[in-house]
Amino acid sequence: MTLVKVNNHPARNLSGLVDGFFQDFPATWGRESNFGFPPVNIHETKDAYHLELSAPGRAKEDFQLSVDKGQLTIAFEKKEETKTEDYKTVRKEFSFKSFKRTFNLDDRIDTNGIQAKYENGVLKLLLPKKEQEKESTKQISIQ
């Protein structure tokens, strides 16, 4: 999305707004600033999937992780802030909204081996793959 305004023509502004929305649509869908969900990166190696959820400014105790019926759920519950009379907020731009994201897990994921850690504002999950049974070559005799 560009921040430079090129033309002030009213008809083109509406057209540019609509074009800009659909042009950026896939890249911006699901971003925290737009829809309340933190962005996620998912990487795959031969042994595991690595899920990274960007959630700066939160505490690891505020996350709830669960696996149920082949679905991984990551939730964050916003805690109530205590208000005091001698502390007045003049401007507040930080936003820590509650969220809940659910991911369907593949049958190849070892749900008992899932590990999670929160560091530098990123919740990192290791989703190990199950050991695959290697098919052995079988000789078939002809009768």
C-alpha atoms as a PDB file:
ATOM      1  CA  MET A   1       0.000   0.000   0.000  1.00  0.00           C
ATOM      2  CA  THR A   2       1.410   3.375  -0.927  1.00  0.00           C
ATOM      3  CA  LEU A   3       1.261   6.353   1.414  1.00  0.00           C
ATOM      4  CA  VAL A   4       1.851   9.004  -1.255  1.00  0.00           C
ATOM      5  CA  LYS A   5      -1.251  10.674  -2.634  1.00  0.00           C
ATOM      6  CA  VAL A   6      -0.798  11.290  -6.350  1.00  0.00           C
ATOM      7  CA  ASN A   7      -4.135  12.645  -7.531  1.00  0.00           C
ATOM      8  CA  ASN A   8      -6.903  14.495  -5.692  1.00  0.00           C
ATOM      9  CA  HIS A   9      -9.616  13.850  -8.288  1.00  0.00           C
ATOM     10  CA  PRO A  10     -12.691  12.568  -6.322  1.00  0.00           C
ATOM     11  CA  ALA A  11     -13.694   9.885  -8.834  1.00  0.00           C
ATOM     12  CA  ARG A  12     -10.172   8.519  -8.973  1.00  0.00           C
ATOM     13  CA  ASN A  13      -9.839   8.526  -5.171  1.00  0.00           C
ATOM     14  CA  LEU A  14     -12.756   6.116  -4.767  1.00  0.00           C
ATOM     15  CA  SER A  15     -11.477   3.964  -7.606  1.00  0.00           C
ATOM     16  CA  GLY A  16      -7.966   4.002  -6.143  1.00  0.00           C
ATOM     17  CA  LEU A  17      -9.286   3.059  -2.713  1.00  0.00           C
ATOM     18  CA  VAL A  18     -11.187   0.062  -4.082  1.00  0.00           C
ATOM     19  CA  ASP A  19      -8.282  -0.984  -6.334  1.00  0.00           C
ATOM     20  CA  GLY A  20      -5.814  -0.601  -3.472  1.00  0.00           C
ATOM     21  CA  PHE A  21      -7.935  -2.717  -1.146  1.00  0.00           C
ATOM     22  CA  PHE A  22      -8.219  -5.612  -3.584  1.00  0.00           C
ATOM     23  CA  GLN A  23      -4.624  -5.296  -4.719  1.00  0.00           C
ATOM     24  CA  ASP A  24      -3.348  -5.624  -1.138  1.00  0.00           C
ATOM     25  CA  PHE A  25      -6.114  -8.003  -0.010  1.00  0.00           C
ATOM     26  CA  PRO A  26      -4.194 -11.314   0.138  1.00  0.00           C
ATOM     27  CA  ALA A  27      -1.145  -9.765   1.800  1.00  0.00           C
ATOM     28  CA  THR A  28      -3.075  -7.908   4.487  1.00  0.00           C
ATOM     29  CA  TRP A  29      -5.778 -10.455   5.314  1.00  0.00           C
ATOM     30  CA  GLY A  30      -5.459 -11.666   8.897  1.00  0.00           C
ATOM     31  CA  ARG A  31      -3.009  -9.052  10.121  1.00  0.00           C
ATOM     32  CA  GLU A  32      -3.549  -8.004  13.711  1.00  0.00           C
ATOM     33  CA  SER A  33      -3.920  -4.321  12.930  1.00  0.00           C
ATOM     34  CA  ASN A  34      -6.718  -5.064  10.459  1.00  0.00           C
ATOM     35  CA  PHE A  35      -8.733  -7.941  11.843  1.00  0.00           C
ATOM     36  CA  GLY A  36      -7.691  -8.642  15.445  1.00  0.00           C
ATOM     37  CA  PHE A  37      -5.587 -11.743  14.760  1.00  0.00           C
ATOM     38  CA  PRO A  38      -1.817 -11.782  15.140  1.00  0.00           C
ATOM     39  CA  PRO A  39       0.073 -12.844  12.009  1.00  0.00           C
ATOM     40  CA  VAL A  40       1.447 -16.390  11.819  1.00  0.00           C
ATOM     41  CA  ASN A  41       4.366 -17.928   9.932  1.00  0.00           C
ATOM     42  CA  ILE A  42       4.448 -21.686   9.384  1.00  0.00           C
ATOM     43  CA  HIS A  43       7.648 -23.425   8.302  1.00  0.00           C
ATOM     44  CA  GLU A  44       8.220 -27.097   7.497  1.00  0.00           C
ATOM     45  CA  THR A  45      11.307 -29.231   7.936  1.00  0.00           C
ATOM     46  CA  LYS A  46      11.634 -32.964   7.356  1.00  0.00           C
ATOM     47  CA  ASP A  47      11.014 -33.634  11.066  1.00  0.00           C
ATOM     48  CA  ALA A  48       8.501 -30.983  12.131  1.00  0.00           C
ATOM     49  CA  TYR A  49       6.396 -27.922  11.448  1.00  0.00           C
ATOM     50  CA  HIS A  50       7.399 -24.658  13.141  1.00  0.00           C
ATOM     51  CA  LEU A  51       4.640 -22.168  13.866  1.00  0.00           C
ATOM     52  CA  GLU A  52       5.511 -18.582  14.847  1.00  0.00           C
ATOM     53  CA  LEU A  53       2.815 -16.238  16.100  1.00  0.00           C
ATOM     54  CA  SER A  54       3.755 -12.568  16.434  1.00  0.00           C
ATOM     55  CA  ALA A  55       2.353 -11.321  19.743  1.00  0.00           C
ATOM     56  CA  PRO A  56       4.629  -8.683  21.286  1.00  0.00           C
ATOM     57  CA  GLY A  57       3.940  -7.159  24.668  1.00  0.00           C
ATOM     58  CA  ARG A  58       2.125 -10.132  26.132  1.00  0.00           C
ATOM     59  CA  ALA A  59       3.058 -12.538  28.922  1.00  0.00           C
ATOM     60  CA  LYS A  60       3.408 -16.263  28.315  1.00  0.00           C
ATOM     61  CA  GLU A  61       0.979 -16.943  31.183  1.00  0.00           C
ATOM     62  CA  ASP A  62      -1.808 -15.219  29.234  1.00  0.00           C
ATOM     63  CA  PHE A  63      -1.745 -17.759  26.372  1.00  0.00           C
ATOM     64  CA  GLN A  64      -3.836 -20.917  26.360  1.00  0.00           C
ATOM     65  CA  LEU A  65      -2.812 -23.731  24.015  1.00  0.00           C
ATOM     66  CA  SER A  66      -4.889 -26.860  23.486  1.00  0.00           C
ATOM     67  CA  VAL A  67      -5.263 -29.766  21.076  1.00  0.00           C
ATOM     68  CA  ASP A  68      -8.672 -31.358  20.670  1.00  0.00           C
ATOM     69  CA  LYS A  69      -9.985 -33.622  17.900  1.00  0.00           C
ATOM     70  CA  GLY A  70      -7.166 -32.771  15.511  1.00  0.00           C
ATOM     71  CA  GLN A  71      -7.322 -29.017  16.060  1.00  0.00           C
ATOM     72  CA  LEU A  72      -4.688 -26.816  17.674  1.00  0.00           C
ATOM     73  CA  THR A  73      -6.153 -23.762  19.397  1.00  0.00           C
ATOM     74  CA  ILE A  74      -4.091 -20.758  20.455  1.00  0.00           C
ATOM     75  CA  ALA A  75      -5.931 -18.219  22.586  1.00  0.00           C
ATOM     76  CA  PHE A  76      -4.982 -15.017  24.360  1.00  0.00           C
ATOM     77  CA  GLU A  77      -7.274 -13.525  26.958  1.00  0.00           C
ATOM     78  CA  LYS A  78      -6.915  -9.815  27.637  1.00  0.00           C
ATOM     79  CA  LYS A  79      -6.772  -9.172  31.356  1.00  0.00           C
ATOM     80  CA  GLU A  80      -8.604  -6.253  32.897  1.00  0.00           C
ATOM     81  CA  GLU A  81      -6.439  -3.253  33.621  1.00  0.00           C
ATOM     82  CA  THR A  82      -6.622  -1.745  37.058  1.00  0.00           C
ATOM     83  CA  LYS A  83      -7.462   1.940  37.070  1.00  0.00           C
ATOM     84  CA  THR A  84      -6.116   4.344  39.633  1.00  0.00           C
ATOM     85  CA  GLU A  85      -7.130   7.906  40.297  1.00  0.00           C
ATOM     86  CA  ASP A  86      -3.575   9.274  40.333  1.00  0.00           C
ATOM     87  CA  TYR A  87      -2.624   7.662  37.003  1.00  0.00           C
ATOM     88  CA  LYS A  88      -4.202   9.231  33.928  1.00  0.00           C
ATOM     89  CA  THR A  89      -3.579   7.944  30.408  1.00  0.00           C
ATOM     90  CA  VAL A  90      -3.289  10.852  28.004  1.00  0.00           C
ATOM     91  CA  ARG A  91      -2.920   8.770  24.848  1.00  0.00           C
ATOM     92  CA  LYS A  92      -3.269   5.014  24.331  1.00  0.00           C
ATOM     93  CA  GLU A  93      -2.175   3.366  21.085  1.00  0.00           C
ATOM     94  CA  PHE A  94      -1.201  -0.082  22.387  1.00  0.00           C
ATOM     95  CA  SER A  95      -3.914  -2.602  21.745  1.00  0.00           C
ATOM     96  CA  PHE A  96      -3.911  -6.064  23.295  1.00  0.00           C
ATOM     97  CA  LYS A  97      -7.155  -7.638  22.166  1.00  0.00           C
ATOM     98  CA  SER A  98      -8.180 -11.126  23.078  1.00  0.00           C
ATOM     99  CA  PHE A  99      -8.006 -13.616  20.237  1.00  0.00           C
ATOM    100  CA  LYS A 100      -8.472 -17.271  19.455  1.00  0.00           C
ATOM    101  CA  ARG A 101      -6.960 -19.040  16.433  1.00  0.00           C
ATOM    102  CA  THR A 102      -7.556 -22.644  15.473  1.00  0.00           C
ATOM    103  CA  PHE A 103      -5.467 -24.729  13.097  1.00  0.00           C
ATOM    104  CA  ASN A 104      -6.379 -28.142  11.682  1.00  0.00           C
ATOM    105  CA  LEU A 105      -3.574 -30.593  12.378  1.00  0.00           C
ATOM    106  CA  ASP A 106      -2.461 -33.160   9.863  1.00  0.00           C
ATOM    107  CA  ASP A 107      -2.556 -36.846  10.878  1.00  0.00           C
ATOM    108  CA  ARG A 108       1.226 -36.844  10.584  1.00  0.00           C
ATOM    109  CA  ILE A 109       1.616 -34.519  13.608  1.00  0.00           C
ATOM    110  CA  ASP A 110       2.641 -36.095  16.922  1.00  0.00           C
ATOM    111  CA  THR A 111       0.300 -34.119  19.195  1.00  0.00           C
ATOM    112  CA  ASN A 112       1.954 -35.510  22.347  1.00  0.00           C
ATOM    113  CA  GLY A 113       5.284 -33.979  21.315  1.00  0.00           C
ATOM    114  CA  ILE A 114       4.105 -30.393  20.685  1.00  0.00           C
ATOM    115  CA  GLN A 115       6.324 -27.839  22.423  1.00  0.00           C
ATOM    116  CA  ALA A 116       5.853 -24.086  22.878  1.00  0.00           C
ATOM    117  CA  LYS A 117       7.954 -21.151  24.032  1.00  0.00           C
ATOM    118  CA  TYR A 118       7.458 -17.404  24.082  1.00  0.00           C
ATOM    119  CA  GLU A 119      10.485 -15.223  23.450  1.00  0.00           C
ATOM    120  CA  ASN A 120      11.025 -11.713  22.135  1.00  0.00           C
ATOM    121  CA  GLY A 121       7.324 -11.215  21.415  1.00  0.00           C
ATOM    122  CA  VAL A 122       6.967 -14.371  19.320  1.00  0.00           C
ATOM    123  CA  LEU A 123       5.097 -17.492  20.419  1.00  0.00           C
ATOM    124  CA  LYS A 124       6.963 -20.418  18.840  1.00  0.00           C
ATOM    125  CA  LEU A 125       5.468 -23.887  18.539  1.00  0.00           C
ATOM    126  CA  LEU A 126       7.236 -27.034  17.442  1.00  0.00           C
ATOM    127  CA  LEU A 127       4.845 -29.540  15.891  1.00  0.00           C
ATOM    128  CA  PRO A 128       6.862 -32.750  15.408  1.00  0.00           C
ATOM    129  CA  LYS A 129       5.939 -35.197  12.694  1.00  0.00           C
ATOM    130  CA  LYS A 130       5.194 -38.823  13.585  1.00  0.00           C
ATOM    131  CA  GLU A 131       7.710 -41.455  12.662  1.00  0.00           C
ATOM    132  CA  GLN A 132       6.674 -42.873   9.323  1.00  0.00           C
ATOM    133  CA  GLU A 133       6.633 -46.609   8.934  1.00  0.00           C
ATOM    134  CA  LYS A 134       8.985 -47.452   6.142  1.00  0.00           C
ATOM    135  CA  GLU A 135       7.564 -49.918   3.696  1.00  0.00           C
ATOM    136  CA  SER A 136       9.857 -52.853   3.269  1.00  0.00           C
ATOM    137  CA  THR A 137      10.251 -54.470  -0.088  1.00  0.00           C
ATOM    138  CA  LYS A 138       8.323 -57.687  -0.230  1.00  0.00           C
ATOM    139  CA  GLN A 139       9.074 -60.415  -2.719  1.00  0.00           C
ATOM    140  CA  ILE A 140       6.039 -62.067  -4.216  1.00  0.00           C
ATOM    141  CA  SER A 141       6.410 -65.588  -5.482  1.00  0.00           C
ATOM    142  CA  ILE A 142       4.689 -66.627  -8.661  1.00  0.00           C
ATOM    143  CA  GLN A 143       2.873 -69.960  -8.549  1.00  0.00           C
END
